[in-house]
């Protein structure tokens, strides 16, 4: 997040991090695929969707689309 969107407002940053915590609560790493790269791809896509969702809920923020980055 610090690299891909360092100018994200604090409220959105907190919302993103809370949503990521929720994602990990629902998808514990111990319960997932043993394939490391597959898990990273899943997480990367999920984080991009979370970030898009966070941006969509705040008027006037730019939405970069799902680029697979977080």
PDB file of N, CA and C in Angstrom:
ATOM      1  N   UNK A   1       0.827  -1.184   0.000  1.00  0.00           N
ATOM      2  CA  UNK A   1       0.000   0.000   0.000  1.00  0.00           C
ATOM      3  C   UNK A   1       0.878   1.256   0.000  1.00  0.00           C
ATOM      4  N   UNK A   2       1.953   1.210   0.779  1.00  0.00           N
ATOM      5  CA  UNK A   2       2.842   2.367   0.847  1.00  0.00           C
ATOM      6  C   UNK A   2       3.530   2.637  -0.486  1.00  0.00           C
ATOM      7  N   UNK A   3       3.732   1.602  -1.277  1.00  0.00           N
ATOM      8  CA  UNK A   3       4.398   1.755  -2.567  1.00  0.00           C
ATOM      9  C   UNK A   3       3.396   2.090  -3.672  1.00  0.00           C
ATOM     10  N   UNK A   4       2.278   1.389  -3.724  1.00  0.00           N
ATOM     11  CA  UNK A   4       1.338   1.565  -4.831  1.00  0.00           C
ATOM     12  C   UNK A   4       0.438   2.767  -4.678  1.00  0.00           C
ATOM     13  N   UNK A   5       0.172   3.197  -3.434  1.00  0.00           N
ATOM     14  CA  UNK A   5      -0.724   4.337  -3.236  1.00  0.00           C
ATOM     15  C   UNK A   5      -0.358   5.100  -1.962  1.00  0.00           C
ATOM     16  N   UNK A   6       0.824   5.722  -1.940  1.00  0.00           N
ATOM     17  CA  UNK A   6       1.286   6.394  -0.719  1.00  0.00           C
ATOM     18  C   UNK A   6       0.437   7.603  -0.326  1.00  0.00           C
ATOM     19  N   UNK A   7      -0.327   8.158  -1.251  1.00  0.00           N
ATOM     20  CA  UNK A   7      -1.134   9.346  -0.956  1.00  0.00           C
ATOM     21  C   UNK A   7      -2.552   9.013  -0.518  1.00  0.00           C
ATOM     22  N   UNK A   8      -2.831   7.746  -0.264  1.00  0.00           N
ATOM     23  CA  UNK A   8      -4.159   7.341   0.165  1.00  0.00           C
ATOM     24  C   UNK A   8      -4.470   8.017   1.502  1.00  0.00           C
ATOM     25  N   UNK A   9      -5.619   8.683   1.597  1.00  0.00           N
ATOM     26  CA  UNK A   9      -5.975   9.357   2.852  1.00  0.00           C
ATOM     27  C   UNK A   9      -6.004   8.379   4.033  1.00  0.00           C
ATOM     28  N   UNK A  10      -5.731   8.889   5.199  1.00  0.00           N
ATOM     29  CA  UNK A  10      -5.626   8.049   6.396  1.00  0.00           C
ATOM     30  C   UNK A  10      -6.889   7.222   6.646  1.00  0.00           C
ATOM     31  N   UNK A  11      -8.055   7.799   6.457  1.00  0.00           N
ATOM     32  CA  UNK A  11      -9.304   7.061   6.685  1.00  0.00           C
ATOM     33  C   UNK A  11      -9.402   5.860   5.740  1.00  0.00           C
ATOM     34  N   UNK A  12      -9.021   6.060   4.492  1.00  0.00           N
ATOM     35  CA  UNK A  12      -9.049   4.956   3.534  1.00  0.00           C
ATOM     36  C   UNK A  12      -7.981   3.919   3.857  1.00  0.00           C
ATOM     37  N   UNK A  13      -6.829   4.380   4.288  1.00  0.00           N
ATOM     38  CA  UNK A  13      -5.744   3.476   4.666  1.00  0.00           C
ATOM     39  C   UNK A  13      -6.204   2.567   5.808  1.00  0.00           C
ATOM     40  N   UNK A  14      -6.848   3.170   6.818  1.00  0.00           N
ATOM     41  CA  UNK A  14      -7.337   2.393   7.951  1.00  0.00           C
ATOM     42  C   UNK A  14      -8.432   1.416   7.514  1.00  0.00           C
ATOM     43  N   UNK A  15      -9.319   1.861   6.628  1.00  0.00           N
ATOM     44  CA  UNK A  15     -10.378   0.979   6.125  1.00  0.00           C
ATOM     45  C   UNK A  15      -9.777  -0.191   5.349  1.00  0.00           C
ATOM     46  N   UNK A  16      -8.761   0.079   4.549  1.00  0.00           N
ATOM     47  CA  UNK A  16      -8.089  -0.977   3.787  1.00  0.00           C
ATOM     48  C   UNK A  16      -7.456  -1.998   4.731  1.00  0.00           C
ATOM     49  N   UNK A  17      -6.709  -1.518   5.708  1.00  0.00           N
ATOM     50  CA  UNK A  17      -6.030  -2.425   6.629  1.00  0.00           C
ATOM     51  C   UNK A  17      -7.025  -3.239   7.451  1.00  0.00           C
ATOM     52  N   UNK A  18      -8.134  -2.634   7.838  1.00  0.00           N
ATOM     53  CA  UNK A  18      -9.170  -3.370   8.568  1.00  0.00           C
ATOM     54  C   UNK A  18      -9.783  -4.446   7.674  1.00  0.00           C
ATOM     55  N   UNK A  19     -10.000  -4.123   6.407  1.00  0.00           N
ATOM     56  CA  UNK A  19     -10.563  -5.106   5.473  1.00  0.00           C
ATOM     57  C   UNK A  19      -9.574  -6.239   5.212  1.00  0.00           C
ATOM     58  N   UNK A  20      -8.297  -5.938   5.162  1.00  0.00           N
ATOM     59  CA  UNK A  20      -7.276  -6.977   4.982  1.00  0.00           C
ATOM     60  C   UNK A  20      -7.262  -7.895   6.208  1.00  0.00           C
ATOM     61  N   UNK A  21      -7.376  -7.310   7.396  1.00  0.00           N
ATOM     62  CA  UNK A  21      -7.467  -8.133   8.610  1.00  0.00           C
ATOM     63  C   UNK A  21      -8.677  -9.061   8.524  1.00  0.00           C
ATOM     64  N   UNK A  22      -9.805  -8.536   8.051  1.00  0.00           N
ATOM     65  CA  UNK A  22     -11.005  -9.345   7.881  1.00  0.00           C
ATOM     66  C   UNK A  22     -10.790 -10.458   6.869  1.00  0.00           C
ATOM     67  N   UNK A  23     -10.101 -10.133   5.794  1.00  0.00           N
ATOM     68  CA  UNK A  23      -9.785 -11.137   4.765  1.00  0.00           C
ATOM     69  C   UNK A  23      -8.987 -12.284   5.371  1.00  0.00           C
ATOM     70  N   UNK A  24      -7.966 -11.954   6.157  1.00  0.00           N
ATOM     71  CA  UNK A  24      -7.148 -13.000   6.766  1.00  0.00           C
ATOM     72  C   UNK A  24      -7.917 -13.772   7.841  1.00  0.00           C
ATOM     73  N   UNK A  25      -8.871 -13.126   8.506  1.00  0.00           N
ATOM     74  CA  UNK A  25      -9.696 -13.839   9.487  1.00  0.00           C
ATOM     75  C   UNK A  25     -10.554 -14.895   8.785  1.00  0.00           C
ATOM     76  N   UNK A  26     -11.027 -14.560   7.591  1.00  0.00           N
ATOM     77  CA  UNK A  26     -11.854 -15.491   6.813  1.00  0.00           C
ATOM     78  C   UNK A  26     -11.012 -16.500   6.025  1.00  0.00           C
ATOM     79  N   UNK A  27      -9.784 -16.144   5.727  1.00  0.00           N
ATOM     80  CA  UNK A  27      -8.900 -16.996   4.920  1.00  0.00           C
ATOM     81  C   UNK A  27      -7.550 -17.175   5.613  1.00  0.00           C
ATOM     82  N   UNK A  28      -7.532 -17.878   6.746  1.00  0.00           N
ATOM     83  CA  UNK A  28      -6.256 -18.039   7.463  1.00  0.00           C
ATOM     84  C   UNK A  28      -5.214 -18.721   6.574  1.00  0.00           C
ATOM     85  N   UNK A  29      -4.010 -18.252   6.649  1.00  0.00           N
ATOM     86  CA  UNK A  29      -2.962 -18.789   5.785  1.00  0.00           C
ATOM     87  C   UNK A  29      -2.698 -20.264   6.075  1.00  0.00           C
ATOM     88  N   UNK A  30      -2.903 -20.702   7.294  1.00  0.00           N
ATOM     89  CA  UNK A  30      -2.656 -22.103   7.630  1.00  0.00           C
ATOM     90  C   UNK A  30      -3.658 -23.039   6.968  1.00  0.00           C
ATOM     91  N   UNK A  31      -4.834 -22.533   6.617  1.00  0.00           N
ATOM     92  CA  UNK A  31      -5.890 -23.366   6.035  1.00  0.00           C
ATOM     93  C   UNK A  31      -5.891 -23.358   4.514  1.00  0.00           C
ATOM     94  N   UNK A  32      -4.928 -22.691   3.913  1.00  0.00           N
ATOM     95  CA  UNK A  32      -4.964 -22.531   2.467  1.00  0.00           C
ATOM     96  C   UNK A  32      -3.976 -23.431   1.759  1.00  0.00           C
ATOM     97  N   UNK A  33      -3.932 -23.277   0.465  1.00  0.00           N
ATOM     98  CA  UNK A  33      -3.083 -24.091  -0.409  1.00  0.00           C
ATOM     99  C   UNK A  33      -1.627 -24.078   0.056  1.00  0.00           C
ATOM    100  N   UNK A  34      -0.961 -25.214  -0.043  1.00  0.00           N
ATOM    101  CA  UNK A  34       0.461 -25.244   0.316  1.00  0.00           C
ATOM    102  C   UNK A  34       1.344 -24.592  -0.748  1.00  0.00           C
ATOM    103  N   UNK A  35       0.766 -24.196  -1.855  1.00  0.00           N
ATOM    104  CA  UNK A  35       1.537 -23.583  -2.934  1.00  0.00           C
ATOM    105  C   UNK A  35       1.697 -22.088  -2.676  1.00  0.00           C
ATOM    106  N   UNK A  36       2.886 -21.696  -2.316  1.00  0.00           N
ATOM    107  CA  UNK A  36       3.191 -20.325  -1.915  1.00  0.00           C
ATOM    108  C   UNK A  36       2.803 -19.291  -2.967  1.00  0.00           C
ATOM    109  N   UNK A  37       3.187 -19.505  -4.208  1.00  0.00           N
ATOM    110  CA  UNK A  37       2.900 -18.523  -5.259  1.00  0.00           C
ATOM    111  C   UNK A  37       1.404 -18.402  -5.526  1.00  0.00           C
ATOM    112  N   UNK A  38       0.701 -19.486  -5.427  1.00  0.00           N
ATOM    113  CA  UNK A  38      -0.748 -19.459  -5.607  1.00  0.00           C
ATOM    114  C   UNK A  38      -1.408 -18.607  -4.519  1.00  0.00           C
ATOM    115  N   UNK A  39      -0.951 -18.766  -3.292  1.00  0.00           N
ATOM    116  CA  UNK A  39      -1.491 -17.959  -2.191  1.00  0.00           C
ATOM    117  C   UNK A  39      -1.183 -16.480  -2.395  1.00  0.00           C
ATOM    118  N   UNK A  40       0.011 -16.180  -2.839  1.00  0.00           N
ATOM    119  CA  UNK A  40       0.369 -14.777  -3.078  1.00  0.00           C
ATOM    120  C   UNK A  40      -0.500 -14.163  -4.165  1.00  0.00           C
ATOM    121  N   UNK A  41      -0.771 -14.918  -5.231  1.00  0.00           N
ATOM    122  CA  UNK A  41      -1.634 -14.426  -6.304  1.00  0.00           C
ATOM    123  C   UNK A  41      -3.050 -14.172  -5.782  1.00  0.00           C
ATOM    124  N   UNK A  42      -3.574 -15.115  -5.008  1.00  0.00           N
ATOM    125  CA  UNK A  42      -4.904 -14.948  -4.416  1.00  0.00           C
ATOM    126  C   UNK A  42      -4.962 -13.692  -3.560  1.00  0.00           C
ATOM    127  N   UNK A  43      -3.969 -13.534  -2.691  1.00  0.00           N
ATOM    128  CA  UNK A  43      -3.923 -12.362  -1.809  1.00  0.00           C
ATOM    129  C   UNK A  43      -3.820 -11.079  -2.612  1.00  0.00           C
ATOM    130  N   UNK A  44      -2.967 -11.074  -3.616  1.00  0.00           N
ATOM    131  CA  UNK A  44      -2.770  -9.879  -4.431  1.00  0.00           C
ATOM    132  C   UNK A  44      -4.076  -9.446  -5.102  1.00  0.00           C
ATOM    133  N   UNK A  45      -4.803 -10.398  -5.655  1.00  0.00           N
ATOM    134  CA  UNK A  45      -6.090 -10.083  -6.285  1.00  0.00           C
ATOM    135  C   UNK A  45      -7.106  -9.613  -5.252  1.00  0.00           C
ATOM    136  N   UNK A  46      -7.142 -10.270  -4.109  1.00  0.00           N
ATOM    137  CA  UNK A  46      -8.081  -9.869  -3.056  1.00  0.00           C
ATOM    138  C   UNK A  46      -7.764  -8.464  -2.559  1.00  0.00           C
ATOM    139  N   UNK A  47      -6.497  -8.148  -2.370  1.00  0.00           N
ATOM    140  CA  UNK A  47      -6.124  -6.825  -1.868  1.00  0.00           C
ATOM    141  C   UNK A  47      -6.461  -5.733  -2.877  1.00  0.00           C
ATOM    142  N   UNK A  48      -6.295  -6.027  -4.165  1.00  0.00           N
ATOM    143  CA  UNK A  48      -6.662  -5.053  -5.196  1.00  0.00           C
ATOM    144  C   UNK A  48      -8.167  -4.784  -5.162  1.00  0.00           C
ATOM    145  N   UNK A  49      -8.955  -5.840  -4.992  1.00  0.00           N
ATOM    146  CA  UNK A  49     -10.411  -5.668  -4.903  1.00  0.00           C
ATOM    147  C   UNK A  49     -10.790  -4.886  -3.652  1.00  0.00           C
ATOM    148  N   UNK A  50     -10.136  -5.173  -2.547  1.00  0.00           N
ATOM    149  CA  UNK A  50     -10.400  -4.443  -1.309  1.00  0.00           C
ATOM    150  C   UNK A  50     -10.078  -2.963  -1.496  1.00  0.00           C
ATOM    151  N   UNK A  51      -8.947  -2.668  -2.098  1.00  0.00           N
ATOM    152  CA  UNK A  51      -8.553  -1.273  -2.305  1.00  0.00           C
ATOM    153  C   UNK A  51      -9.537  -0.560  -3.222  1.00  0.00           C
ATOM    154  N   UNK A  52      -9.960  -1.212  -4.288  1.00  0.00           N
ATOM    155  CA  UNK A  52     -10.962  -0.619  -5.176  1.00  0.00           C
ATOM    156  C   UNK A  52     -12.251  -0.337  -4.416  1.00  0.00           C
ATOM    157  N   UNK A  53     -12.646  -1.262  -3.558  1.00  0.00           N
ATOM    158  CA  UNK A  53     -13.859  -1.087  -2.769  1.00  0.00           C
ATOM    159  C   UNK A  53     -13.725   0.088  -1.807  1.00  0.00           C
ATOM    160  N   UNK A  54     -12.574   0.203  -1.169  1.00  0.00           N
ATOM    161  CA  UNK A  54     -12.336   1.308  -0.232  1.00  0.00           C
ATOM    162  C   UNK A  54     -12.388   2.635  -0.969  1.00  0.00           C
ATOM    163  N   UNK A  55     -11.758   2.706  -2.123  1.00  0.00           N
ATOM    164  CA  UNK A  55     -11.768   3.940  -2.917  1.00  0.00           C
ATOM    165  C   UNK A  55     -13.176   4.292  -3.388  1.00  0.00           C
ATOM    166  N   UNK A  56     -13.969   3.290  -3.731  1.00  0.00           N
ATOM    167  CA  UNK A  56     -15.319   3.524  -4.262  1.00  0.00           C
ATOM    168  C   UNK A  56     -16.245   4.129  -3.219  1.00  0.00           C
ATOM    169  N   UNK A  57     -15.947   3.939  -1.950  1.00  0.00           N
ATOM    170  CA  UNK A  57     -16.819   4.440  -0.892  1.00  0.00           C
ATOM    171  C   UNK A  57     -16.478   5.848  -0.434  1.00  0.00           C
ATOM    172  N   UNK A  58     -15.479   6.464  -1.029  1.00  0.00           N
ATOM    173  CA  UNK A  58     -15.101   7.825  -0.654  1.00  0.00           C
ATOM    174  C   UNK A  58     -15.207   8.716  -1.880  1.00  0.00           C
ATOM    175  N   UNK A  59     -16.109   9.701  -1.842  1.00  0.00           N
ATOM    176  CA  UNK A  59     -16.284  10.584  -3.003  1.00  0.00           C
ATOM    177  C   UNK A  59     -14.995  11.310  -3.380  1.00  0.00           C
ATOM    178  N   UNK A  60     -14.771  11.420  -4.669  1.00  0.00           N
ATOM    179  CA  UNK A  60     -13.649  12.196  -5.184  1.00  0.00           C
ATOM    180  C   UNK A  60     -12.327  11.461  -5.223  1.00  0.00           C
ATOM    181  N   UNK A  61     -12.307  10.191  -4.857  1.00  0.00           N
ATOM    182  CA  UNK A  61     -11.042   9.466  -4.943  1.00  0.00           C
ATOM    183  C   UNK A  61     -10.930   8.813  -6.299  1.00  0.00           C
ATOM    184  N   UNK A  62      -9.726   8.699  -6.754  1.00  0.00           N
ATOM    185  CA  UNK A  62      -9.496   8.100  -8.049  1.00  0.00           C
ATOM    186  C   UNK A  62      -9.531   6.587  -7.907  1.00  0.00           C
ATOM    187  N   UNK A  63     -10.048   5.950  -8.912  1.00  0.00           N
ATOM    188  CA  UNK A  63     -10.075   4.492  -8.915  1.00  0.00           C
ATOM    189  C   UNK A  63      -9.181   4.028 -10.052  1.00  0.00           C
ATOM    190  N   UNK A  64      -8.146   3.269  -9.711  1.00  0.00           N
ATOM    191  CA  UNK A  64      -7.179   2.836 -10.713  1.00  0.00           C
ATOM    192  C   UNK A  64      -7.564   1.528 -11.349  1.00  0.00           C
ATOM    193  N   UNK A  65      -8.606   0.889 -10.870  1.00  0.00           N
ATOM    194  CA  UNK A  65      -8.991  -0.391 -11.448  1.00  0.00           C
ATOM    195  C   UNK A  65      -8.207  -1.517 -10.844  1.00  0.00           C
ATOM    196  N   UNK A  66      -8.593  -2.721 -11.178  1.00  0.00           N
ATOM    197  CA  UNK A  66      -7.935  -3.896 -10.626  1.00  0.00           C
ATOM    198  C   UNK A  66      -6.662  -4.172 -11.426  1.00  0.00           C
ATOM    199  N   UNK A  67      -5.555  -3.715 -10.856  1.00  0.00           N
ATOM    200  CA  UNK A  67      -4.265  -3.916 -11.516  1.00  0.00           C
ATOM    201  C   UNK A  67      -3.491  -5.048 -10.880  1.00  0.00           C
ATOM    202  N   UNK A  68      -4.122  -5.707  -9.887  1.00  0.00           N
ATOM    203  CA  UNK A  68      -3.419  -6.792  -9.229  1.00  0.00           C
ATOM    204  C   UNK A  68      -2.359  -6.301  -8.274  1.00  0.00           C
ATOM    205  N   UNK A  69      -2.477  -5.063  -7.826  1.00  0.00           N
ATOM    206  CA  UNK A  69      -1.511  -4.504  -6.898  1.00  0.00           C
ATOM    207  C   UNK A  69      -2.231  -4.071  -5.655  1.00  0.00           C
ATOM    208  N   UNK A  70      -1.492  -4.014  -4.559  1.00  0.00           N
ATOM    209  CA  UNK A  70      -2.039  -3.492  -3.315  1.00  0.00           C
ATOM    210  C   UNK A  70      -0.968  -2.769  -2.530  1.00  0.00           C
TER     211      UNK A  70
END
